């Protein structure tokens, strides 16, 4: 049972201290391309929002092809929560809105881990 959600990208339960990275499905929602994954808050070493594999930089222009929240775990593994996988203009609504959601997830996880 989730206590909160970030769009269709992730669900979290602050009582059990777990994050569910939602499965990635095709456009129809029928076929699963990548299964979901549960990560315990205590297993997270760091969280970072990345724009084309680089930290988000204010004032950057052009298009972003890949916006993710990278979760590095204490066991050395890392997991990306994909927020954008198609090119979007960094000044456009889709990018700005999705970046806001990615930052919320990263901040929430940082807060819950501390």
C-alpha atoms as a PDB file:
ATOM      1  CA  UNK A   1       0.000   0.000   0.000  1.00  0.00           C
ATOM      2  CA  UNK A   2       1.564   3.280  -1.098  1.00  0.00           C
ATOM      3  CA  UNK A   3       1.499   6.368   1.092  1.00  0.00           C
ATOM      4  CA  UNK A   4       2.497   8.560  -1.855  1.00  0.00           C
ATOM      5  CA  UNK A   5       3.335   8.616  -5.545  1.00  0.00           C
ATOM      6  CA  UNK A   6       5.346  10.593  -8.047  1.00  0.00           C
ATOM      7  CA  UNK A   7       3.292  10.513 -11.238  1.00  0.00           C
ATOM      8  CA  UNK A   8       3.406   7.065 -12.800  1.00  0.00           C
ATOM      9  CA  UNK A   9       7.143   6.793 -12.166  1.00  0.00           C
ATOM     10  CA  UNK A  10       7.336   5.660  -8.547  1.00  0.00           C
ATOM     11  CA  UNK A  11       5.291   4.862  -5.469  1.00  0.00           C
ATOM     12  CA  UNK A  12       6.567   4.972  -1.919  1.00  0.00           C
ATOM     13  CA  UNK A  13       5.494   3.818   1.510  1.00  0.00           C
ATOM     14  CA  UNK A  14       6.946   5.900   4.310  1.00  0.00           C
ATOM     15  CA  UNK A  15       5.635   3.503   6.978  1.00  0.00           C
ATOM     16  CA  UNK A  16       7.516   0.486   5.593  1.00  0.00           C
ATOM     17  CA  UNK A  17      10.295   2.784   4.260  1.00  0.00           C
ATOM     18  CA  UNK A  18      10.241   1.346   0.741  1.00  0.00           C
ATOM     19  CA  UNK A  19      10.251   2.755  -2.783  1.00  0.00           C
ATOM     20  CA  UNK A  20       8.576   0.975  -5.699  1.00  0.00           C
ATOM     21  CA  UNK A  21       9.990   1.847  -9.088  1.00  0.00           C
ATOM     22  CA  UNK A  22       6.996   1.214 -11.321  1.00  0.00           C
ATOM     23  CA  UNK A  23       7.195  -1.233 -14.230  1.00  0.00           C
ATOM     24  CA  UNK A  24       7.867   0.296 -17.655  1.00  0.00           C
ATOM     25  CA  UNK A  25       5.108  -0.665 -20.062  1.00  0.00           C
ATOM     26  CA  UNK A  26       4.452  -0.124 -23.746  1.00  0.00           C
ATOM     27  CA  UNK A  27       2.165   2.661 -24.962  1.00  0.00           C
ATOM     28  CA  UNK A  28      -0.958   0.527 -24.545  1.00  0.00           C
ATOM     29  CA  UNK A  29       0.030  -0.379 -20.992  1.00  0.00           C
ATOM     30  CA  UNK A  30      -0.300  -4.076 -21.747  1.00  0.00           C
ATOM     31  CA  UNK A  31       3.247  -5.336 -22.306  1.00  0.00           C
ATOM     32  CA  UNK A  32       5.847  -4.918 -19.565  1.00  0.00           C
ATOM     33  CA  UNK A  33       9.263  -3.948 -20.948  1.00  0.00           C
ATOM     34  CA  UNK A  34      10.939  -3.753 -17.551  1.00  0.00           C
ATOM     35  CA  UNK A  35       9.611  -5.083 -14.264  1.00  0.00           C
ATOM     36  CA  UNK A  36       9.112  -3.027 -11.139  1.00  0.00           C
ATOM     37  CA  UNK A  37      11.581  -3.026  -8.282  1.00  0.00           C
ATOM     38  CA  UNK A  38      11.296  -2.365  -4.547  1.00  0.00           C
ATOM     39  CA  UNK A  39      14.179  -0.607  -2.802  1.00  0.00           C
ATOM     40  CA  UNK A  40      14.326  -0.141   0.956  1.00  0.00           C
ATOM     41  CA  UNK A  41      15.198   3.397   2.068  1.00  0.00           C
ATOM     42  CA  UNK A  42      17.945   1.968   4.287  1.00  0.00           C
ATOM     43  CA  UNK A  43      19.654   0.412   1.223  1.00  0.00           C
ATOM     44  CA  UNK A  44      20.014   3.777  -0.566  1.00  0.00           C
ATOM     45  CA  UNK A  45      23.459   5.391  -0.450  1.00  0.00           C
ATOM     46  CA  UNK A  46      22.744   8.445  -2.634  1.00  0.00           C
ATOM     47  CA  UNK A  47      20.172   9.949  -4.981  1.00  0.00           C
ATOM     48  CA  UNK A  48      20.805  12.305  -7.897  1.00  0.00           C
ATOM     49  CA  UNK A  49      18.760  13.804 -10.740  1.00  0.00           C
ATOM     50  CA  UNK A  50      20.607  13.448 -14.059  1.00  0.00           C
ATOM     51  CA  UNK A  51      19.915  15.167 -17.388  1.00  0.00           C
ATOM     52  CA  UNK A  52      21.600  13.183 -20.197  1.00  0.00           C
ATOM     53  CA  UNK A  53      23.895  11.554 -17.582  1.00  0.00           C
ATOM     54  CA  UNK A  54      25.014  14.912 -16.151  1.00  0.00           C
ATOM     55  CA  UNK A  55      23.776  16.834 -13.098  1.00  0.00           C
ATOM     56  CA  UNK A  56      20.977  19.273 -13.922  1.00  0.00           C
ATOM     57  CA  UNK A  57      22.460  22.653 -14.805  1.00  0.00           C
ATOM     58  CA  UNK A  58      20.277  25.797 -14.622  1.00  0.00           C
ATOM     59  CA  UNK A  59      20.144  27.737 -17.875  1.00  0.00           C
ATOM     60  CA  UNK A  60      21.075  24.749 -20.033  1.00  0.00           C
ATOM     61  CA  UNK A  61      19.310  24.905 -23.403  1.00  0.00           C
ATOM     62  CA  UNK A  62      18.542  22.481 -26.188  1.00  0.00           C
ATOM     63  CA  UNK A  63      16.913  19.099 -25.813  1.00  0.00           C
ATOM     64  CA  UNK A  64      17.187  16.476 -23.103  1.00  0.00           C
ATOM     65  CA  UNK A  65      16.927  12.881 -24.323  1.00  0.00           C
ATOM     66  CA  UNK A  66      17.172  11.166 -20.932  1.00  0.00           C
ATOM     67  CA  UNK A  67      16.053  12.467 -17.520  1.00  0.00           C
ATOM     68  CA  UNK A  68      16.464  10.035 -14.620  1.00  0.00           C
ATOM     69  CA  UNK A  69      16.733   9.853 -10.874  1.00  0.00           C
ATOM     70  CA  UNK A  70      19.800   7.673 -10.220  1.00  0.00           C
ATOM     71  CA  UNK A  71      19.669   5.717  -6.981  1.00  0.00           C
ATOM     72  CA  UNK A  72      23.011   4.335  -5.837  1.00  0.00           C
ATOM     73  CA  UNK A  73      22.624   1.526  -3.329  1.00  0.00           C
ATOM     74  CA  UNK A  74      24.947   0.629  -0.488  1.00  0.00           C
ATOM     75  CA  UNK A  75      25.748  -2.715  -2.165  1.00  0.00           C
ATOM     76  CA  UNK A  76      27.274  -0.872  -5.148  1.00  0.00           C
ATOM     77  CA  UNK A  77      24.340  -1.354  -7.509  1.00  0.00           C
ATOM     78  CA  UNK A  78      22.551   1.584  -9.084  1.00  0.00           C
ATOM     79  CA  UNK A  79      19.040   1.911 -10.440  1.00  0.00           C
ATOM     80  CA  UNK A  80      17.621   4.632 -12.667  1.00  0.00           C
ATOM     81  CA  UNK A  81      14.027   5.791 -12.364  1.00  0.00           C
ATOM     82  CA  UNK A  82      13.289   6.962 -15.915  1.00  0.00           C
ATOM     83  CA  UNK A  83      11.312  10.204 -16.082  1.00  0.00           C
ATOM     84  CA  UNK A  84      11.937  11.128 -19.755  1.00  0.00           C
ATOM     85  CA  UNK A  85      13.125   8.762 -22.461  1.00  0.00           C
ATOM     86  CA  UNK A  86      12.272  10.847 -25.533  1.00  0.00           C
ATOM     87  CA  UNK A  87      13.891  14.156 -26.436  1.00  0.00           C
ATOM     88  CA  UNK A  88      12.177  17.188 -24.903  1.00  0.00           C
ATOM     89  CA  UNK A  89      13.032  20.877 -25.106  1.00  0.00           C
ATOM     90  CA  UNK A  90      14.500  21.974 -21.768  1.00  0.00           C
ATOM     91  CA  UNK A  91      12.370  25.116 -21.862  1.00  0.00           C
ATOM     92  CA  UNK A  92       9.159  23.220 -22.653  1.00  0.00           C
ATOM     93  CA  UNK A  93       6.358  22.305 -20.262  1.00  0.00           C
ATOM     94  CA  UNK A  94       6.974  18.544 -20.425  1.00  0.00           C
ATOM     95  CA  UNK A  95      10.619  18.878 -19.373  1.00  0.00           C
ATOM     96  CA  UNK A  96      10.023  21.518 -16.688  1.00  0.00           C
ATOM     97  CA  UNK A  97       7.094  19.625 -15.140  1.00  0.00           C
ATOM     98  CA  UNK A  98       8.868  16.277 -15.225  1.00  0.00           C
ATOM     99  CA  UNK A  99      12.075  17.770 -13.782  1.00  0.00           C
ATOM    100  CA  UNK A 100       9.993  19.131 -10.905  1.00  0.00           C
ATOM    101  CA  UNK A 101       8.659  15.617 -10.201  1.00  0.00           C
ATOM    102  CA  UNK A 102      12.152  14.096 -10.406  1.00  0.00           C
ATOM    103  CA  UNK A 103      13.498  16.679  -7.968  1.00  0.00           C
ATOM    104  CA  UNK A 104      10.584  15.990  -5.607  1.00  0.00           C
ATOM    105  CA  UNK A 105      11.367  12.261  -5.569  1.00  0.00           C
ATOM    106  CA  UNK A 106      15.091  12.873  -4.952  1.00  0.00           C
ATOM    107  CA  UNK A 107      14.369  15.371  -2.148  1.00  0.00           C
ATOM    108  CA  UNK A 108      11.781  13.075  -0.557  1.00  0.00           C
ATOM    109  CA  UNK A 109      14.187  10.133  -0.528  1.00  0.00           C
ATOM    110  CA  UNK A 110      16.980  12.298   0.895  1.00  0.00           C
ATOM    111  CA  UNK A 111      14.675  13.575   3.620  1.00  0.00           C
ATOM    112  CA  UNK A 112      13.362  10.132   4.542  1.00  0.00           C
ATOM    113  CA  UNK A 113      16.876   8.668   4.712  1.00  0.00           C
ATOM    114  CA  UNK A 114      18.169  11.354   7.100  1.00  0.00           C
END
